[in-house]
Amino acid sequence: MEDLAEFRAHAGEWLDANEAQAPPDYGPILPPDLVGSAVEWQKRLYDSGFAGIHWPVAHGGRGLSPAHHDAWLAECSARDVAPFVNMVGFVLAGQGVQQWGTDDQKVEHLRPIITADRIWCQLFSEPGAGSDLSSLRTSAEADGDSWVVNGQKVWCSGGHYSDWGILMARTGPDRPRHQGISFFLVEMSTPGIETRPLRQMTGESEFDEVFLTDARLPKSALLGPVHDGWRVGMSILMHERSSIGTAAETMVRRLDQTIDRNEPARPVDRQDLMRLYAAAMGIRGVARGQDEASNGSSLLKLGITEAEFAKAMIDGAGRPDAMLDSEASRAILAAPGGKIAGGTSQIQRNIIGERLLGLPRDPAPRPREDSP
């Protein structure tokens, strides 16, 4: 196995020579207008040996350690370039197939993820099941050699440009709600699947609502055991939350840039900026001390999304027109979404309280005596 220090030096040299061809580090959601450049970048990474660094060699990866992958993320973060084409494919679908997939599913899906031949989206949330995902109502009924899916999903990142999606649907309506869900790998061109873009207040349409009407999936679409999709999904989401660790590095670096460009003149603004900077350094420390996906990733997610980083960008711009149309104004418009995506801040606080601090669970509401 390649020495970690040598790998990191090689990765840094390669990025220095190639970062001009890279899209900016757009984070977990691939913007529609960057799909083409992101796919080209991912293919360049694959051809140069920087895609699937810790994935099995048999499926196109390098077979190196997670530490090598972390070193790659750090080098990309330092240069503000995207480390891979899209998070849902590389982190969620890719890790899910490796952990739960059959041999045929691994052959079918893993290599096309790291070669960017398939872009993935996530079909979890519903109009009545967001943070309370276990209450989802989309159904998948077995019918011979197929699953017939009906329902609606919402806040699907990049559904209209994705080739495949990961789907959670109810297969056991008579079972307890956490025990009657299954997990599926879905080709988005399947008849009966319709995507409709959702316009955000940023003016962009990064998300979609997706309607599934008698969409027929092959039996091979099932990932993991039937009715055990909750366990499959939660194990995959742990990877999503832990993958935001590099966002802490990015936040510190961009705060450094904000301070260098225009240190606030008023003492109160400097104090607010330093308070934010200290919090960012603390969050980065947590990220560096976390070796693998765990409940501790909720600390990172909560800390990063609750920080007023976007406001600091506005204040640091030092000019009134920054509130009109600029990177800073777009960031502040997009910031509230971060408190919802990947599990709301309220959900993260519950996880921290119950699973890290050992606090008692919230009491379940009692039904009224006169209720049916």
Foldseek 3Di string as FASTA:
>chain_A
DDDLVVLLVVLLVVCVVPVVLFDFAPDQFAAPVCLVSQLVVLQVCLVVQQFQACPDVVQSHVVDDVSSVVSNLLSCLVVRGHSHRHCCLRQQVQVLCVVFNDPVSSNVRNNCSSNVVFFEKEFQADPVDALNSLPDAWAWEDDPQKTFTFDKGWFIFQLVPGQKYKHKHFHDPPDPSQQRIFIFIGGQVFPQKDWDFDQAPLRGGRITMIGGDRRIGGNSRTTHDHSNHNVSNVVSLLSVLLVCLSVLVNLLVVLVVLCVQANFPDPVLNVLSVVLNVLSVVLNVLSVVDDGRDLSSLVNLLSVLVRPSLVSNVRSVVDPCCCPDDPSVSCVRCSVVSCRPSHHSVRSVQSCVCVVVVHDHDDDDDDDPPDD
